[in-house]
Each structure stands twice: as structure tokens, then as C-alpha cells.
Amino acid sequence: MKTAFRIMTIVAIAGFAGLAGAETVAPDNVMFDGDNAVAKSLTGGAGDAATGRKLFADRKLGNCLACHANADQNDQPFHGEVGPPLDGAADRWSPEELRAILVNSKKVFGEQTIMPSFYRKTNGARTMEKFQDKTILSAEQVEDVLAYLLTLKE
């Protein structure tokens, strides 16, 4: 019994140490595979889809609904039509492609896109000074939105 308890304790400590040791990838260090994919999680783990759903609709953070319609968010008013509808997004793009779009849409779609890059320190010439050198979303928030987008299937 003592041996089993010790093994469980060691496994638990090792698990927590692994979580603590997982470092967030800094915006300048995100590695793109080609132009359209980011394979590695920004946090070393998966995001939370429920939190991502809230961020998606949050008008002060992600504000995704300002440009994208999404039937899963019909409880929210004023869906935009500038970007493509995101219903079925998980069927149209891979997780790696969606992460790349969230991290740096300018790299994926070109500098002319009006979609902001959520994990890039520079978002164009019209960025207010107080937002210079800051990301719109944290690495964890990007992974949360990604987890949510991966739930959007046809």
C-alpha cells in the first residue's frame, strides 16, 4: 500500500513539474511550418473550448463576432459579415492552420487583410501607441479560441 501511494505521489509531482516546466512561446518565437501552419501549441497544451467560446464573443478581447458569423453564437447580437462564416471551421482548416491564422493572420493572408494578428506585437500602422508591442490575446487565450474553433464542425 505504501509503495503504491509513493508511486502515485511521484507521478503526481512529475505531472505538476511538467506543467510548471511548460513554457509559453513568445510571440517573436512562434515557428511557422511553411506560411500557413503553426504545429506547436503556444502553451505546451490544449486550450479550453468553453473559455474560447467566451473569448470569441468578448467585444473587448477577441471580438471575432465583429467580422464572423457563427451559428453557435446566435445568442450574441451583431454578427459581422466581413470575414467568412466560421460554422464548420474545424472541417475547413487544420488545427495548425487555425493556430497560424489566430497568431499572425498577416503572415497567412498577407499584410492587406483587416483581420488582426492576435499573437503578434505589431498589428499595422494604425495601432494605438498604448497597444504597441503588446499582443491582443495571450498565448493561453489563443489556444482557448483554437479549442473552441475546433468544435465548429459541419
N, C-alpha and C. Protein backbone atom coordinates (compact mmCIF):
# COMPACT_ATOMS: atom_id res chain seq x y z
N MET A 1 0.83 -1.19 0.00
CA MET A 1 0.00 0.00 0.00
C MET A 1 0.87 1.25 0.00
N LYS A 2 1.93 1.26 0.85
CA LYS A 2 2.82 2.42 0.91
C LYS A 2 3.53 2.61 -0.42
N THR A 3 3.92 1.52 -1.04
CA THR A 3 4.62 1.61 -2.32
C THR A 3 3.71 2.22 -3.39
N ALA A 4 2.46 1.78 -3.45
CA ALA A 4 1.51 2.32 -4.43
C ALA A 4 1.29 3.81 -4.18
N PHE A 5 1.18 4.21 -2.92
CA PHE A 5 0.99 5.62 -2.58
C PHE A 5 2.21 6.43 -3.01
N ARG A 6 3.40 5.91 -2.77
CA ARG A 6 4.63 6.62 -3.17
C ARG A 6 4.70 6.77 -4.69
N ILE A 7 4.34 5.74 -5.41
CA ILE A 7 4.37 5.82 -6.87
C ILE A 7 3.37 6.86 -7.35
N MET A 8 2.17 6.87 -6.77
CA MET A 8 1.16 7.86 -7.17
C MET A 8 1.65 9.27 -6.85
N THR A 9 2.30 9.44 -5.71
CA THR A 9 2.82 10.75 -5.34
C THR A 9 3.90 11.20 -6.31
N ILE A 10 4.80 10.32 -6.67
CA ILE A 10 5.88 10.65 -7.61
C ILE A 10 5.29 11.01 -8.97
N VAL A 11 4.30 10.24 -9.43
CA VAL A 11 3.67 10.52 -10.72
C VAL A 11 2.99 11.89 -10.67
N ALA A 12 2.29 12.19 -9.59
CA ALA A 12 1.61 13.48 -9.46
C ALA A 12 2.61 14.63 -9.46
N ILE A 13 3.69 14.49 -8.71
CA ILE A 13 4.72 15.54 -8.66
C ILE A 13 5.36 15.71 -10.03
N ALA A 14 5.64 14.63 -10.71
CA ALA A 14 6.23 14.71 -12.05
C ALA A 14 5.28 15.41 -13.01
N GLY A 15 3.98 15.12 -12.89
CA GLY A 15 2.99 15.77 -13.74
C GLY A 15 2.94 17.26 -13.51
N PHE A 16 2.92 17.68 -12.23
CA PHE A 16 2.90 19.11 -11.92
C PHE A 16 4.19 19.78 -12.36
N ALA A 17 5.30 19.11 -12.22
CA ALA A 17 6.58 19.68 -12.66
C ALA A 17 6.58 19.86 -14.17
N GLY A 18 5.98 18.91 -14.88
CA GLY A 18 5.89 19.04 -16.33
C GLY A 18 5.04 20.23 -16.73
N LEU A 19 3.92 20.46 -16.01
CA LEU A 19 3.09 21.61 -16.30
C LEU A 19 3.83 22.90 -16.00
N ALA A 20 4.51 22.94 -14.88
CA ALA A 20 5.24 24.14 -14.50
C ALA A 20 6.39 24.40 -15.45
N GLY A 21 6.96 23.33 -16.01
CA GLY A 21 8.09 23.48 -16.90
C GLY A 21 7.69 23.86 -18.33
N ALA A 22 6.40 23.72 -18.65
CA ALA A 22 5.95 24.08 -19.99
C ALA A 22 6.00 25.59 -20.12
N GLU A 23 6.81 26.05 -21.05
CA GLU A 23 6.98 27.49 -21.23
C GLU A 23 6.12 27.98 -22.37
N THR A 24 5.60 29.17 -22.20
CA THR A 24 4.83 29.80 -23.25
C THR A 24 5.78 30.27 -24.35
N VAL A 25 5.39 30.04 -25.57
CA VAL A 25 6.18 30.50 -26.71
C VAL A 25 5.94 32.00 -26.86
N ALA A 26 6.99 32.78 -26.87
CA ALA A 26 6.88 34.23 -27.04
C ALA A 26 6.43 34.54 -28.46
N PRO A 27 5.72 35.65 -28.66
CA PRO A 27 5.23 35.99 -30.00
C PRO A 27 6.31 36.00 -31.07
N ASP A 28 7.49 36.47 -30.74
CA ASP A 28 8.57 36.54 -31.72
C ASP A 28 9.20 35.18 -32.00
N ASN A 29 8.87 34.16 -31.20
CA ASN A 29 9.47 32.84 -31.35
C ASN A 29 8.52 31.78 -31.92
N VAL A 30 7.33 32.19 -32.34
CA VAL A 30 6.38 31.23 -32.91
C VAL A 30 6.95 30.73 -34.23
N MET A 31 6.97 29.42 -34.37
CA MET A 31 7.54 28.79 -35.58
C MET A 31 6.41 28.41 -36.54
N PHE A 32 6.45 28.96 -37.75
CA PHE A 32 5.51 28.62 -38.80
C PHE A 32 6.09 27.51 -39.65
N ASP A 33 5.27 26.50 -39.96
CA ASP A 33 5.65 25.44 -40.89
C ASP A 33 5.17 25.89 -42.26
N GLY A 34 6.07 26.32 -43.09
CA GLY A 34 5.65 26.94 -44.33
C GLY A 34 5.04 28.29 -43.99
N ASP A 35 4.06 28.72 -44.73
CA ASP A 35 3.44 30.02 -44.46
C ASP A 35 2.14 29.91 -43.69
N ASN A 36 1.54 28.73 -43.65
CA ASN A 36 0.16 28.65 -43.16
C ASN A 36 -0.11 27.71 -42.00
N ALA A 37 0.92 27.32 -41.24
CA ALA A 37 0.67 26.39 -40.14
C ALA A 37 1.61 26.65 -38.97
N VAL A 38 1.06 26.51 -37.77
CA VAL A 38 1.85 26.54 -36.55
C VAL A 38 1.51 25.26 -35.79
N ALA A 39 2.42 24.30 -35.83
CA ALA A 39 2.15 22.98 -35.28
C ALA A 39 2.19 22.95 -33.76
N LYS A 40 3.09 23.70 -33.17
CA LYS A 40 3.33 23.61 -31.73
C LYS A 40 2.37 24.52 -30.95
N SER A 41 1.76 23.96 -29.91
CA SER A 41 0.92 24.75 -29.01
C SER A 41 1.75 25.89 -28.42
N LEU A 42 1.14 27.03 -28.26
CA LEU A 42 1.83 28.19 -27.69
C LEU A 42 2.07 28.03 -26.19
N THR A 43 1.33 27.12 -25.58
CA THR A 43 1.42 26.92 -24.13
C THR A 43 1.94 25.55 -23.75
N GLY A 44 2.13 24.69 -24.72
CA GLY A 44 2.54 23.33 -24.42
C GLY A 44 1.37 22.39 -24.18
N GLY A 45 0.15 22.90 -24.29
CA GLY A 45 -1.02 22.07 -24.06
C GLY A 45 -2.22 22.59 -24.83
N ALA A 46 -3.32 21.88 -24.70
CA ALA A 46 -4.55 22.27 -25.39
C ALA A 46 -5.26 23.36 -24.61
N GLY A 47 -6.03 24.16 -25.33
CA GLY A 47 -6.83 25.20 -24.69
C GLY A 47 -8.16 24.66 -24.21
N ASP A 48 -8.96 25.54 -23.62
CA ASP A 48 -10.27 25.20 -23.08
C ASP A 48 -11.34 25.78 -24.01
N ALA A 49 -12.14 24.91 -24.61
CA ALA A 49 -13.13 25.35 -25.59
C ALA A 49 -14.20 26.26 -24.99
N ALA A 50 -14.63 26.00 -23.77
CA ALA A 50 -15.66 26.84 -23.14
C ALA A 50 -15.14 28.26 -22.92
N THR A 51 -13.89 28.38 -22.49
CA THR A 51 -13.28 29.70 -22.33
C THR A 51 -13.11 30.35 -23.69
N GLY A 52 -12.71 29.57 -24.68
CA GLY A 52 -12.53 30.08 -26.03
C GLY A 52 -13.83 30.62 -26.61
N ARG A 53 -14.95 29.96 -26.32
CA ARG A 53 -16.25 30.44 -26.80
C ARG A 53 -16.54 31.82 -26.23
N LYS A 54 -16.23 32.02 -24.96
CA LYS A 54 -16.45 33.33 -24.34
C LYS A 54 -15.54 34.39 -24.94
N LEU A 55 -14.29 34.04 -25.16
CA LEU A 55 -13.34 34.99 -25.76
C LEU A 55 -13.77 35.36 -27.18
N PHE A 56 -14.28 34.39 -27.90
CA PHE A 56 -14.74 34.59 -29.28
C PHE A 56 -15.79 35.71 -29.32
N ALA A 57 -16.68 35.73 -28.34
CA ALA A 57 -17.78 36.69 -28.32
C ALA A 57 -17.44 37.97 -27.56
N ASP A 58 -16.35 37.97 -26.82
CA ASP A 58 -15.99 39.13 -25.99
C ASP A 58 -15.62 40.31 -26.88
N ARG A 59 -16.41 41.36 -26.81
CA ARG A 59 -16.21 42.54 -27.67
C ARG A 59 -14.96 43.33 -27.29
N LYS A 60 -14.37 43.06 -26.14
CA LYS A 60 -13.17 43.78 -25.71
C LYS A 60 -11.90 42.96 -25.89
N LEU A 61 -12.03 41.71 -26.26
CA LEU A 61 -10.84 40.87 -26.46
C LEU A 61 -10.81 40.33 -27.87
N GLY A 62 -11.29 39.11 -28.05
CA GLY A 62 -11.25 38.51 -29.37
C GLY A 62 -12.08 39.28 -30.38
N ASN A 63 -13.32 39.60 -30.01
CA ASN A 63 -14.24 40.34 -30.85
C ASN A 63 -14.41 39.69 -32.22
N CYS A 64 -14.32 38.38 -32.27
CA CYS A 64 -14.43 37.65 -33.53
C CYS A 64 -15.78 37.88 -34.20
N LEU A 65 -16.84 38.05 -33.39
CA LEU A 65 -18.17 38.24 -33.95
C LEU A 65 -18.32 39.56 -34.70
N ALA A 66 -17.41 40.48 -34.52
CA ALA A 66 -17.48 41.73 -35.27
C ALA A 66 -17.33 41.48 -36.76
N CYS A 67 -16.65 40.41 -37.13
CA CYS A 67 -16.39 40.10 -38.55
C CYS A 67 -16.94 38.77 -39.01
N HIS A 68 -17.15 37.83 -38.08
CA HIS A 68 -17.52 36.46 -38.47
C HIS A 68 -18.87 36.05 -37.89
N ALA A 69 -19.75 35.56 -38.75
CA ALA A 69 -20.99 34.94 -38.30
C ALA A 69 -20.67 33.54 -37.79
N ASN A 70 -21.47 33.09 -36.86
CA ASN A 70 -21.25 31.78 -36.26
C ASN A 70 -22.55 31.34 -35.62
N ALA A 71 -23.19 30.32 -36.16
CA ALA A 71 -24.49 29.86 -35.66
C ALA A 71 -24.43 29.45 -34.19
N ASP A 72 -23.29 28.96 -33.72
CA ASP A 72 -23.16 28.56 -32.33
C ASP A 72 -23.27 29.76 -31.39
N GLN A 73 -23.12 30.95 -31.92
CA GLN A 73 -23.17 32.17 -31.09
C GLN A 73 -24.43 32.99 -31.39
N ASN A 74 -25.51 32.33 -31.80
CA ASN A 74 -26.75 33.06 -32.11
C ASN A 74 -27.33 33.78 -30.91
N ASP A 75 -26.87 33.45 -29.71
CA ASP A 75 -27.32 34.16 -28.51
C ASP A 75 -26.67 35.54 -28.40
N GLN A 76 -25.69 35.82 -29.26
CA GLN A 76 -24.98 37.09 -29.27
C GLN A 76 -25.49 37.95 -30.43
N PRO A 77 -25.65 39.26 -30.22
CA PRO A 77 -26.12 40.12 -31.31
C PRO A 77 -24.99 40.58 -32.23
N PHE A 78 -25.37 41.06 -33.39
CA PHE A 78 -24.49 41.78 -34.31
C PHE A 78 -23.31 40.96 -34.83
N HIS A 79 -23.60 39.90 -35.51
CA HIS A 79 -22.55 39.13 -36.18
C HIS A 79 -22.11 39.90 -37.43
N GLY A 80 -20.82 39.93 -37.66
CA GLY A 80 -20.29 40.62 -38.83
C GLY A 80 -20.31 39.75 -40.07
N GLU A 81 -20.05 40.39 -41.20
CA GLU A 81 -20.05 39.69 -42.48
C GLU A 81 -18.79 39.97 -43.27
N VAL A 82 -17.79 40.58 -42.65
CA VAL A 82 -16.55 40.92 -43.34
C VAL A 82 -15.72 39.67 -43.58
N GLY A 83 -15.61 38.83 -42.57
CA GLY A 83 -14.88 37.58 -42.69
C GLY A 83 -15.82 36.44 -43.02
N PRO A 84 -15.28 35.29 -43.34
CA PRO A 84 -16.14 34.14 -43.68
C PRO A 84 -16.88 33.63 -42.44
N PRO A 85 -18.07 33.05 -42.63
CA PRO A 85 -18.75 32.41 -41.50
C PRO A 85 -17.84 31.31 -40.94
N LEU A 86 -17.86 31.12 -39.64
CA LEU A 86 -16.96 30.14 -39.04
C LEU A 86 -17.65 28.82 -38.70
N ASP A 87 -18.90 28.69 -39.10
CA ASP A 87 -19.55 27.38 -38.97
C ASP A 87 -18.75 26.39 -39.81
N GLY A 88 -18.39 25.28 -39.23
CA GLY A 88 -17.62 24.27 -39.95
C GLY A 88 -16.13 24.60 -40.09
N ALA A 89 -15.64 25.56 -39.32
CA ALA A 89 -14.23 25.96 -39.42
C ALA A 89 -13.29 24.78 -39.20
N ALA A 90 -13.64 23.89 -38.29
CA ALA A 90 -12.77 22.75 -37.99
C ALA A 90 -12.71 21.75 -39.14
N ASP A 91 -13.69 21.81 -40.03
CA ASP A 91 -13.68 20.94 -41.21
C ASP A 91 -12.91 21.58 -42.37
N ARG A 92 -12.79 22.89 -42.37
CA ARG A 92 -12.12 23.60 -43.47
C ARG A 92 -10.64 23.83 -43.24
N TRP A 93 -10.24 23.96 -41.99
CA TRP A 93 -8.84 24.22 -41.67
C TRP A 93 -8.35 23.22 -40.63
N SER A 94 -7.09 22.88 -40.69
CA SER A 94 -6.49 22.00 -39.68
C SER A 94 -6.24 22.81 -38.41
N PRO A 95 -6.03 22.15 -37.28
CA PRO A 95 -5.69 22.89 -36.05
C PRO A 95 -4.45 23.77 -36.24
N GLU A 96 -3.49 23.26 -36.97
CA GLU A 96 -2.24 24.01 -37.20
C GLU A 96 -2.49 25.26 -38.05
N GLU A 97 -3.37 25.13 -39.04
CA GLU A 97 -3.71 26.29 -39.87
C GLU A 97 -4.51 27.33 -39.08
N LEU A 98 -5.46 26.87 -38.28
CA LEU A 98 -6.25 27.80 -37.45
C LEU A 98 -5.35 28.53 -36.45
N ARG A 99 -4.41 27.80 -35.85
CA ARG A 99 -3.49 28.45 -34.90
C ARG A 99 -2.68 29.53 -35.62
N ALA A 100 -2.21 29.23 -36.82
CA ALA A 100 -1.43 30.20 -37.60
C ALA A 100 -2.27 31.44 -37.91
N ILE A 101 -3.52 31.24 -38.29
CA ILE A 101 -4.41 32.37 -38.60
C ILE A 101 -4.61 33.23 -37.36
N LEU A 102 -4.82 32.61 -36.21
CA LEU A 102 -5.01 33.37 -34.98
C LEU A 102 -3.73 34.11 -34.58
N VAL A 103 -2.62 33.43 -34.67
CA VAL A 103 -1.34 34.02 -34.25
C VAL A 103 -0.97 35.20 -35.12
N ASN A 104 -0.96 35.00 -36.43
CA ASN A 104 -0.50 36.05 -37.33
C ASN A 104 -1.22 35.95 -38.67
N SER A 105 -2.41 36.50 -38.71
CA SER A 105 -3.21 36.46 -39.94
C SER A 105 -2.52 37.17 -41.09
N LYS A 106 -1.69 38.15 -40.78
CA LYS A 106 -0.98 38.91 -41.82
C LYS A 106 0.00 38.00 -42.57
N LYS A 107 0.61 37.08 -41.86
CA LYS A 107 1.54 36.14 -42.48
C LYS A 107 0.78 35.15 -43.36
N VAL A 108 -0.40 34.75 -42.91
CA VAL A 108 -1.19 33.76 -43.65
C VAL A 108 -1.89 34.38 -44.85
N PHE A 109 -2.57 35.53 -44.65
CA PHE A 109 -3.40 36.12 -45.69
C PHE A 109 -2.75 37.32 -46.38
N GLY A 110 -1.64 37.81 -45.87
CA GLY A 110 -0.99 38.99 -46.43
C GLY A 110 -1.27 40.22 -45.57
N GLU A 111 -0.39 41.17 -45.64
CA GLU A 111 -0.49 42.37 -44.81
C GLU A 111 -1.76 43.17 -45.07
N GLN A 112 -2.40 42.99 -46.24
CA GLN A 112 -3.58 43.77 -46.57
C GLN A 112 -4.83 43.31 -45.82
N THR A 113 -4.81 42.12 -45.21
CA THR A 113 -6.00 41.64 -44.52
C THR A 113 -6.35 42.55 -43.35
N ILE A 114 -7.64 42.72 -43.13
CA ILE A 114 -8.04 43.55 -41.99
C ILE A 114 -8.15 42.73 -40.71
N MET A 115 -8.03 41.41 -40.83
CA MET A 115 -8.06 40.58 -39.63
C MET A 115 -6.82 40.86 -38.80
N PRO A 116 -7.02 41.12 -37.51
CA PRO A 116 -5.85 41.35 -36.67
C PRO A 116 -5.08 40.06 -36.40
N SER A 117 -3.83 40.21 -36.13
CA SER A 117 -2.99 39.10 -35.68
C SER A 117 -3.06 39.10 -34.15
N PHE A 118 -3.64 38.08 -33.58
CA PHE A 118 -3.93 38.10 -32.15
C PHE A 118 -2.72 37.83 -31.26
N TYR A 119 -1.66 37.25 -31.83
CA TYR A 119 -0.47 36.96 -31.02
C TYR A 119 0.77 37.49 -31.73
N ARG A 120 0.69 38.72 -32.11
CA ARG A 120 1.79 39.42 -32.77
C ARG A 120 1.89 40.79 -32.12
N LYS A 121 3.07 41.26 -31.89
CA LYS A 121 3.25 42.54 -31.20
C LYS A 121 2.95 43.74 -32.09
N THR A 122 2.97 43.56 -33.40
CA THR A 122 2.70 44.66 -34.32
C THR A 122 1.48 44.30 -35.15
N ASN A 123 0.51 45.20 -35.20
CA ASN A 123 -0.71 44.94 -35.96
C ASN A 123 -0.99 46.02 -36.98
N GLY A 124 0.02 46.65 -37.50
CA GLY A 124 -0.19 47.61 -38.57
C GLY A 124 0.05 49.04 -38.14
N ALA A 125 -0.05 49.92 -39.11
CA ALA A 125 0.29 51.33 -38.91
C ALA A 125 -0.71 52.06 -38.04
N ARG A 126 -1.94 51.58 -37.95
CA ARG A 126 -2.97 52.31 -37.19
C ARG A 126 -3.12 51.83 -35.76
N THR A 127 -2.19 51.04 -35.27
CA THR A 127 -2.27 50.56 -33.90
C THR A 127 -2.00 51.71 -32.93
N MET A 128 -2.89 51.90 -31.98
CA MET A 128 -2.71 52.96 -31.00
C MET A 128 -1.42 52.74 -30.21
N GLU A 129 -0.78 53.80 -29.81
CA GLU A 129 0.51 53.72 -29.13
C GLU A 129 0.45 52.85 -27.88
N LYS A 130 -0.64 52.96 -27.11
CA LYS A 130 -0.74 52.18 -25.87
C LYS A 130 -0.81 50.67 -26.12
N PHE A 131 -1.09 50.28 -27.37
CA PHE A 131 -1.15 48.86 -27.71
C PHE A 131 0.08 48.38 -28.46
N GLN A 132 1.02 49.26 -28.74
CA GLN A 132 2.25 48.86 -29.43
C GLN A 132 3.02 47.87 -28.56
N ASP A 133 3.64 46.91 -29.19
CA ASP A 133 4.45 45.89 -28.53
C ASP A 133 3.66 45.02 -27.55
N LYS A 134 2.34 44.91 -27.77
CA LYS A 134 1.50 44.04 -26.95
C LYS A 134 0.68 43.15 -27.88
N THR A 135 0.41 41.96 -27.43
CA THR A 135 -0.46 41.07 -28.20
C THR A 135 -1.90 41.34 -27.80
N ILE A 136 -2.82 41.03 -28.69
CA ILE A 136 -4.24 41.21 -28.39
C ILE A 136 -4.69 40.14 -27.41
N LEU A 137 -4.29 38.91 -27.67
CA LEU A 137 -4.61 37.79 -26.79
C LEU A 137 -3.33 37.18 -26.24
N SER A 138 -3.42 36.58 -25.08
CA SER A 138 -2.28 35.85 -24.54
C SER A 138 -2.16 34.51 -25.26
N ALA A 139 -1.06 33.84 -25.06
CA ALA A 139 -0.86 32.51 -25.65
C ALA A 139 -1.97 31.56 -25.21
N GLU A 140 -2.30 31.60 -23.94
CA GLU A 140 -3.36 30.73 -23.41
C GLU A 140 -4.70 31.05 -24.06
N GLN A 141 -4.99 32.34 -24.23
CA GLN A 141 -6.25 32.72 -24.86
C GLN A 141 -6.31 32.28 -26.32
N VAL A 142 -5.20 32.36 -27.04
CA VAL A 142 -5.16 31.87 -28.42
C VAL A 142 -5.49 30.38 -28.45
N GLU A 143 -4.88 29.63 -27.55
CA GLU A 143 -5.15 28.18 -27.50
C GLU A 143 -6.60 27.89 -27.10
N ASP A 144 -7.18 28.73 -26.25
CA ASP A 144 -8.59 28.57 -25.88
C ASP A 144 -9.50 28.82 -27.08
N VAL A 145 -9.26 29.90 -27.82
CA VAL A 145 -10.07 30.20 -29.01
C VAL A 145 -9.89 29.08 -30.04
N LEU A 146 -8.67 28.61 -30.21
CA LEU A 146 -8.42 27.49 -31.12
C LEU A 146 -9.24 26.27 -30.70
N ALA A 147 -9.23 25.94 -29.42
CA ALA A 147 -10.00 24.79 -28.92
C ALA A 147 -11.48 24.97 -29.25
N TYR A 148 -11.98 26.18 -29.11
CA TYR A 148 -13.38 26.44 -29.45
C TYR A 148 -13.62 26.27 -30.95
N LEU A 149 -12.76 26.87 -31.77
CA LEU A 149 -12.94 26.76 -33.22
C LEU A 149 -12.93 25.31 -33.67
N LEU A 150 -12.17 24.47 -32.99
CA LEU A 150 -12.11 23.05 -33.34
C LEU A 150 -13.41 22.30 -33.03
N THR A 151 -14.30 22.94 -32.27
CA THR A 151 -15.62 22.34 -32.02
C THR A 151 -16.62 22.68 -33.12
N LEU A 152 -16.28 23.62 -33.98
CA LEU A 152 -17.20 24.09 -35.02
C LEU A 152 -17.09 23.21 -36.26
N LYS A 153 -17.93 22.20 -36.30
CA LYS A 153 -17.92 21.24 -37.42
C LYS A 153 -19.26 21.30 -38.13
N GLU A 154 -19.25 20.91 -39.39
CA GLU A 154 -20.50 20.89 -40.19
C GLU A 154 -21.45 19.84 -39.63
